[in-house]
Amino acid sequence: MTKGGVQCLLEENKAIIRKMVEASNKKDLAMIDEYMALDFVDHSSQVQGRENAKQGYSKVLKDYPDFHRTIEDIIAEGDKIWFLERGARASTTNYSAAKDARLKSCRLSMTRV
């Protein structure tokens, strides 16, 4: 593959991650079927399999309906993509005693496509 072809593939791989994050912000769980392998494994949370990933996303969306993810930085090398994302929510849940509490998170992920 030419250098230009490799660069194009890397940009396509990064676009997949961006689409997944955008879909999750829209609460679109169909992206799991479209982009995740049947044998998907999240080593940080120990979630295994596409169906378990759907259950996990559903729970997060139920508990934090206004949670929003933003990609701060993204790097691709071969079939691996590293991305730094930030998340925030404004609403409270059963887990938060304080009204109007904001939750902020930061996560560095490595994904294979």
N, C-alpha and C. Protein backbone atom coordinates (compact mmCIF):
# COMPACT_ATOMS: atom_id res chain seq x y z
N MET A 1 0.85 -1.18 0.00
CA MET A 1 0.00 0.00 0.00
C MET A 1 0.89 1.24 0.00
N THR A 2 0.49 2.22 -0.76
CA THR A 2 1.27 3.45 -0.84
C THR A 2 1.14 4.25 0.44
N LYS A 3 2.06 5.19 0.62
CA LYS A 3 2.01 6.04 1.82
C LYS A 3 0.70 6.79 1.89
N GLY A 4 0.24 7.30 0.76
CA GLY A 4 -1.04 8.00 0.72
C GLY A 4 -2.19 7.07 1.06
N GLY A 5 -2.11 5.80 0.62
CA GLY A 5 -3.15 4.82 0.93
C GLY A 5 -3.20 4.49 2.40
N VAL A 6 -2.03 4.39 3.03
CA VAL A 6 -1.96 4.12 4.47
C VAL A 6 -2.56 5.29 5.24
N GLN A 7 -2.20 6.51 4.86
CA GLN A 7 -2.74 7.70 5.53
C GLN A 7 -4.25 7.74 5.41
N CYS A 8 -4.77 7.39 4.24
CA CYS A 8 -6.21 7.38 4.02
C CYS A 8 -6.88 6.35 4.93
N LEU A 9 -6.28 5.17 5.06
CA LEU A 9 -6.83 4.12 5.92
C LEU A 9 -6.82 4.57 7.38
N LEU A 10 -5.75 5.22 7.83
CA LEU A 10 -5.67 5.72 9.20
C LEU A 10 -6.77 6.75 9.46
N GLU A 11 -7.01 7.63 8.50
CA GLU A 11 -8.07 8.63 8.66
C GLU A 11 -9.44 7.97 8.69
N GLU A 12 -9.64 6.91 7.89
CA GLU A 12 -10.90 6.17 7.92
C GLU A 12 -11.10 5.51 9.28
N ASN A 13 -10.03 4.95 9.85
CA ASN A 13 -10.13 4.31 11.17
C ASN A 13 -10.49 5.33 12.25
N LYS A 14 -9.89 6.52 12.19
CA LYS A 14 -10.22 7.56 13.15
C LYS A 14 -11.67 8.01 12.97
N ALA A 15 -12.14 8.04 11.73
CA ALA A 15 -13.53 8.44 11.46
C ALA A 15 -14.51 7.45 12.09
N ILE A 16 -14.16 6.17 12.14
CA ILE A 16 -15.02 5.17 12.78
C ILE A 16 -15.20 5.51 14.25
N ILE A 17 -14.11 5.84 14.93
CA ILE A 17 -14.18 6.17 16.36
C ILE A 17 -15.02 7.43 16.55
N ARG A 18 -14.82 8.43 15.71
CA ARG A 18 -15.61 9.66 15.83
C ARG A 18 -17.10 9.36 15.64
N LYS A 19 -17.44 8.50 14.67
CA LYS A 19 -18.84 8.13 14.43
C LYS A 19 -19.42 7.40 15.64
N MET A 20 -18.63 6.54 16.26
CA MET A 20 -19.11 5.82 17.44
C MET A 20 -19.41 6.79 18.59
N VAL A 21 -18.53 7.74 18.80
CA VAL A 21 -18.74 8.72 19.88
C VAL A 21 -19.95 9.59 19.56
N GLU A 22 -20.07 10.05 18.31
CA GLU A 22 -21.22 10.86 17.92
C GLU A 22 -22.52 10.06 18.12
N ALA A 23 -22.52 8.79 17.72
CA ALA A 23 -23.71 7.95 17.87
C ALA A 23 -24.06 7.76 19.34
N SER A 24 -23.05 7.58 20.19
CA SER A 24 -23.34 7.41 21.62
C SER A 24 -23.92 8.70 22.21
N ASN A 25 -23.47 9.85 21.73
CA ASN A 25 -24.03 11.13 22.19
C ASN A 25 -25.49 11.29 21.76
N LYS A 26 -25.86 10.64 20.65
CA LYS A 26 -27.24 10.68 20.16
C LYS A 26 -28.07 9.53 20.74
N LYS A 27 -27.45 8.75 21.63
CA LYS A 27 -28.12 7.60 22.27
C LYS A 27 -28.51 6.53 21.24
N ASP A 28 -27.70 6.39 20.19
CA ASP A 28 -27.96 5.45 19.10
C ASP A 28 -27.19 4.15 19.33
N LEU A 29 -27.85 3.17 19.93
CA LEU A 29 -27.20 1.89 20.23
C LEU A 29 -27.00 1.02 19.00
N ALA A 30 -27.59 1.40 17.87
CA ALA A 30 -27.37 0.64 16.63
C ALA A 30 -25.91 0.68 16.22
N MET A 31 -25.18 1.70 16.68
CA MET A 31 -23.75 1.79 16.33
C MET A 31 -22.97 0.61 16.88
N ILE A 32 -23.46 0.00 17.95
CA ILE A 32 -22.77 -1.16 18.51
C ILE A 32 -22.80 -2.31 17.51
N ASP A 33 -23.96 -2.56 16.91
CA ASP A 33 -24.06 -3.61 15.89
C ASP A 33 -23.23 -3.29 14.66
N GLU A 34 -23.18 -2.01 14.32
CA GLU A 34 -22.47 -1.60 13.11
C GLU A 34 -20.95 -1.63 13.27
N TYR A 35 -20.45 -1.26 14.45
CA TYR A 35 -19.01 -1.07 14.59
C TYR A 35 -18.29 -2.05 15.51
N MET A 36 -18.99 -2.74 16.41
CA MET A 36 -18.31 -3.62 17.35
C MET A 36 -18.36 -5.07 16.89
N ALA A 37 -17.25 -5.75 17.07
CA ALA A 37 -17.19 -7.18 16.73
C ALA A 37 -18.04 -7.98 17.71
N LEU A 38 -18.53 -9.13 17.26
CA LEU A 38 -19.32 -10.00 18.14
C LEU A 38 -18.55 -10.36 19.40
N ASP A 39 -17.22 -10.56 19.25
CA ASP A 39 -16.39 -10.96 20.38
C ASP A 39 -15.65 -9.78 21.02
N PHE A 40 -16.22 -8.59 20.92
CA PHE A 40 -15.67 -7.37 21.50
C PHE A 40 -15.28 -7.60 22.96
N VAL A 41 -14.13 -7.04 23.36
CA VAL A 41 -13.69 -7.10 24.75
C VAL A 41 -13.21 -5.71 25.17
N ASP A 42 -13.73 -5.25 26.30
CA ASP A 42 -13.25 -4.01 26.92
C ASP A 42 -12.44 -4.44 28.13
N HIS A 43 -11.13 -4.35 28.02
CA HIS A 43 -10.26 -4.85 29.09
C HIS A 43 -10.31 -4.00 30.35
N SER A 44 -10.74 -2.74 30.24
CA SER A 44 -10.79 -1.90 31.44
C SER A 44 -12.01 -2.22 32.30
N SER A 45 -13.13 -2.56 31.67
CA SER A 45 -14.34 -2.87 32.44
C SER A 45 -14.68 -4.36 32.45
N GLN A 46 -13.92 -5.14 31.72
CA GLN A 46 -14.13 -6.59 31.61
C GLN A 46 -15.43 -6.95 30.90
N VAL A 47 -15.99 -6.03 30.12
CA VAL A 47 -17.18 -6.32 29.32
C VAL A 47 -16.73 -7.14 28.12
N GLN A 48 -17.44 -8.25 27.90
CA GLN A 48 -17.11 -9.12 26.77
C GLN A 48 -18.36 -9.37 25.95
N GLY A 49 -18.24 -9.19 24.64
CA GLY A 49 -19.34 -9.47 23.73
C GLY A 49 -20.19 -8.25 23.42
N ARG A 50 -20.71 -8.25 22.20
CA ARG A 50 -21.52 -7.14 21.71
C ARG A 50 -22.78 -6.95 22.56
N GLU A 51 -23.46 -8.04 22.92
CA GLU A 51 -24.70 -7.91 23.69
C GLU A 51 -24.45 -7.32 25.08
N ASN A 52 -23.36 -7.72 25.72
CA ASN A 52 -23.02 -7.15 27.02
C ASN A 52 -22.66 -5.67 26.89
N ALA A 53 -22.01 -5.30 25.78
CA ALA A 53 -21.70 -3.89 25.55
C ALA A 53 -22.99 -3.09 25.42
N LYS A 54 -24.00 -3.64 24.72
CA LYS A 54 -25.29 -2.96 24.59
C LYS A 54 -25.94 -2.77 25.96
N GLN A 55 -25.91 -3.80 26.78
CA GLN A 55 -26.49 -3.69 28.13
C GLN A 55 -25.77 -2.62 28.94
N GLY A 56 -24.44 -2.57 28.83
CA GLY A 56 -23.67 -1.56 29.55
C GLY A 56 -24.01 -0.15 29.10
N TYR A 57 -24.06 0.06 27.76
CA TYR A 57 -24.42 1.38 27.24
C TYR A 57 -25.83 1.76 27.67
N SER A 58 -26.77 0.80 27.63
CA SER A 58 -28.15 1.08 28.04
C SER A 58 -28.21 1.55 29.49
N LYS A 59 -27.44 0.91 30.34
CA LYS A 59 -27.42 1.29 31.76
C LYS A 59 -26.85 2.70 31.94
N VAL A 60 -25.77 2.98 31.24
CA VAL A 60 -25.17 4.32 31.33
C VAL A 60 -26.17 5.37 30.85
N LEU A 61 -26.86 5.10 29.73
CA LEU A 61 -27.83 6.06 29.20
C LEU A 61 -29.01 6.25 30.14
N LYS A 62 -29.39 5.18 30.84
CA LYS A 62 -30.48 5.29 31.81
C LYS A 62 -30.04 6.10 33.04
N ASP A 63 -28.86 5.77 33.55
CA ASP A 63 -28.36 6.44 34.76
C ASP A 63 -27.91 7.88 34.51
N TYR A 64 -27.40 8.15 33.32
CA TYR A 64 -26.84 9.47 32.99
C TYR A 64 -27.38 9.92 31.62
N PRO A 65 -28.65 10.25 31.51
CA PRO A 65 -29.26 10.54 30.20
C PRO A 65 -28.65 11.74 29.47
N ASP A 66 -28.01 12.64 30.18
CA ASP A 66 -27.42 13.80 29.51
C ASP A 66 -25.89 13.71 29.40
N PHE A 67 -25.34 12.52 29.60
CA PHE A 67 -23.89 12.35 29.50
C PHE A 67 -23.46 12.61 28.05
N HIS A 68 -22.41 13.38 27.88
CA HIS A 68 -21.92 13.75 26.55
C HIS A 68 -20.41 13.53 26.48
N ARG A 69 -19.97 12.85 25.42
CA ARG A 69 -18.54 12.56 25.23
C ARG A 69 -17.96 13.48 24.15
N THR A 70 -16.71 13.89 24.35
CA THR A 70 -16.00 14.73 23.39
C THR A 70 -14.59 14.17 23.20
N ILE A 71 -14.19 13.97 21.97
CA ILE A 71 -12.82 13.52 21.69
C ILE A 71 -11.90 14.73 21.72
N GLU A 72 -10.90 14.68 22.59
CA GLU A 72 -9.92 15.76 22.70
C GLU A 72 -8.74 15.56 21.76
N ASP A 73 -8.34 14.29 21.58
CA ASP A 73 -7.19 13.97 20.74
C ASP A 73 -7.36 12.56 20.23
N ILE A 74 -6.85 12.29 19.03
CA ILE A 74 -6.97 10.96 18.45
C ILE A 74 -5.74 10.66 17.60
N ILE A 75 -5.19 9.46 17.78
CA ILE A 75 -3.97 9.04 17.06
C ILE A 75 -4.22 7.65 16.51
N ALA A 76 -3.83 7.41 15.27
CA ALA A 76 -3.99 6.10 14.65
C ALA A 76 -2.63 5.58 14.18
N GLU A 77 -2.43 4.29 14.39
CA GLU A 77 -1.22 3.60 13.92
C GLU A 77 -1.64 2.18 13.55
N GLY A 78 -1.58 1.85 12.28
CA GLY A 78 -2.03 0.53 11.85
C GLY A 78 -3.51 0.37 12.14
N ASP A 79 -3.87 -0.74 12.81
CA ASP A 79 -5.27 -0.97 13.15
C ASP A 79 -5.62 -0.52 14.57
N LYS A 80 -4.72 0.23 15.20
CA LYS A 80 -4.94 0.71 16.56
C LYS A 80 -5.21 2.21 16.57
N ILE A 81 -6.16 2.59 17.41
CA ILE A 81 -6.49 3.99 17.58
C ILE A 81 -6.50 4.32 19.05
N TRP A 82 -5.78 5.36 19.42
CA TRP A 82 -5.78 5.87 20.79
C TRP A 82 -6.56 7.17 20.77
N PHE A 83 -7.45 7.32 21.73
CA PHE A 83 -8.16 8.59 21.79
C PHE A 83 -8.41 9.00 23.22
N LEU A 84 -8.24 10.29 23.44
CA LEU A 84 -8.48 10.91 24.73
C LEU A 84 -9.86 11.55 24.65
N GLU A 85 -10.73 11.15 25.56
CA GLU A 85 -12.07 11.71 25.54
C GLU A 85 -12.42 12.27 26.91
N ARG A 86 -13.27 13.25 26.86
CA ARG A 86 -13.81 13.83 28.08
C ARG A 86 -15.32 13.63 28.05
N GLY A 87 -15.87 13.45 29.23
CA GLY A 87 -17.31 13.29 29.33
C GLY A 87 -17.83 14.20 30.42
N ALA A 88 -19.09 14.60 30.28
CA ALA A 88 -19.70 15.46 31.29
C ALA A 88 -21.20 15.21 31.32
N ARG A 89 -21.76 15.42 32.49
CA ARG A 89 -23.21 15.38 32.64
C ARG A 89 -23.60 16.44 33.66
N ALA A 90 -24.81 16.93 33.54
CA ALA A 90 -25.27 17.97 34.46
C ALA A 90 -26.29 17.45 35.45
N SER A 91 -27.04 16.42 35.08
CA SER A 91 -28.13 15.97 35.95
C SER A 91 -27.63 15.12 37.10
N THR A 92 -28.49 14.95 38.07
CA THR A 92 -28.18 14.10 39.21
C THR A 92 -28.90 12.76 39.04
N THR A 93 -28.44 11.76 39.74
CA THR A 93 -29.04 10.43 39.70
C THR A 93 -29.15 9.91 41.12
N ASN A 94 -29.54 8.68 41.26
CA ASN A 94 -29.60 8.04 42.57
C ASN A 94 -28.22 8.02 43.23
N TYR A 95 -27.16 8.10 42.43
CA TYR A 95 -25.81 7.99 42.96
C TYR A 95 -25.25 9.32 43.45
N SER A 96 -25.98 10.39 43.19
CA SER A 96 -25.48 11.71 43.56
C SER A 96 -26.42 12.37 44.55
N ALA A 97 -25.92 12.72 45.71
CA ALA A 97 -26.74 13.34 46.73
C ALA A 97 -26.92 14.84 46.47
N ALA A 98 -25.97 15.44 45.81
CA ALA A 98 -26.01 16.89 45.59
C ALA A 98 -26.84 17.22 44.36
N LYS A 99 -27.73 18.20 44.51
CA LYS A 99 -28.50 18.65 43.35
C LYS A 99 -27.61 19.51 42.47
N ASP A 100 -27.90 19.44 41.18
CA ASP A 100 -27.16 20.21 40.18
C ASP A 100 -25.67 19.87 40.16
N ALA A 101 -25.31 18.69 40.62
CA ALA A 101 -23.90 18.28 40.60
C ALA A 101 -23.50 17.96 39.16
N ARG A 102 -22.31 18.33 38.81
CA ARG A 102 -21.78 18.00 37.48
C ARG A 102 -20.73 16.91 37.64
N LEU A 103 -20.76 15.98 36.72
CA LEU A 103 -19.77 14.92 36.68
C LEU A 103 -18.88 15.16 35.47
N LYS A 104 -17.60 15.10 35.68
CA LYS A 104 -16.67 15.22 34.57
C LYS A 104 -15.74 14.02 34.61
N SER A 105 -15.41 13.52 33.44
CA SER A 105 -14.52 12.37 33.36
C SER A 105 -13.53 12.57 32.22
N CYS A 106 -12.45 11.84 32.31
CA CYS A 106 -11.43 11.84 31.28
C CYS A 106 -10.96 10.41 31.11
N ARG A 107 -10.85 9.96 29.86
CA ARG A 107 -10.49 8.56 29.61
C ARG A 107 -9.60 8.48 28.37
N LEU A 108 -8.55 7.69 28.49
CA LEU A 108 -7.70 7.39 27.35
C LEU A 108 -8.00 5.95 26.95
N SER A 109 -8.40 5.76 25.70
CA SER A 109 -8.77 4.42 25.22
C SER A 109 -7.89 4.02 24.06
N MET A 110 -7.66 2.73 23.93
CA MET A 110 -6.99 2.16 22.76
C MET A 110 -7.96 1.14 22.18
N THR A 111 -8.23 1.28 20.88
CA THR A 111 -9.18 0.43 20.19
C THR A 111 -8.54 -0.13 18.94
N ARG A 112 -8.91 -1.36 18.60
CA ARG A 112 -8.47 -1.96 17.33
C ARG A 112 -9.64 -1.96 16.38
N VAL A 113 -9.38 -1.61 15.14
CA VAL A 113 -10.42 -1.66 14.11
C VAL A 113 -10.02 -2.59 12.99
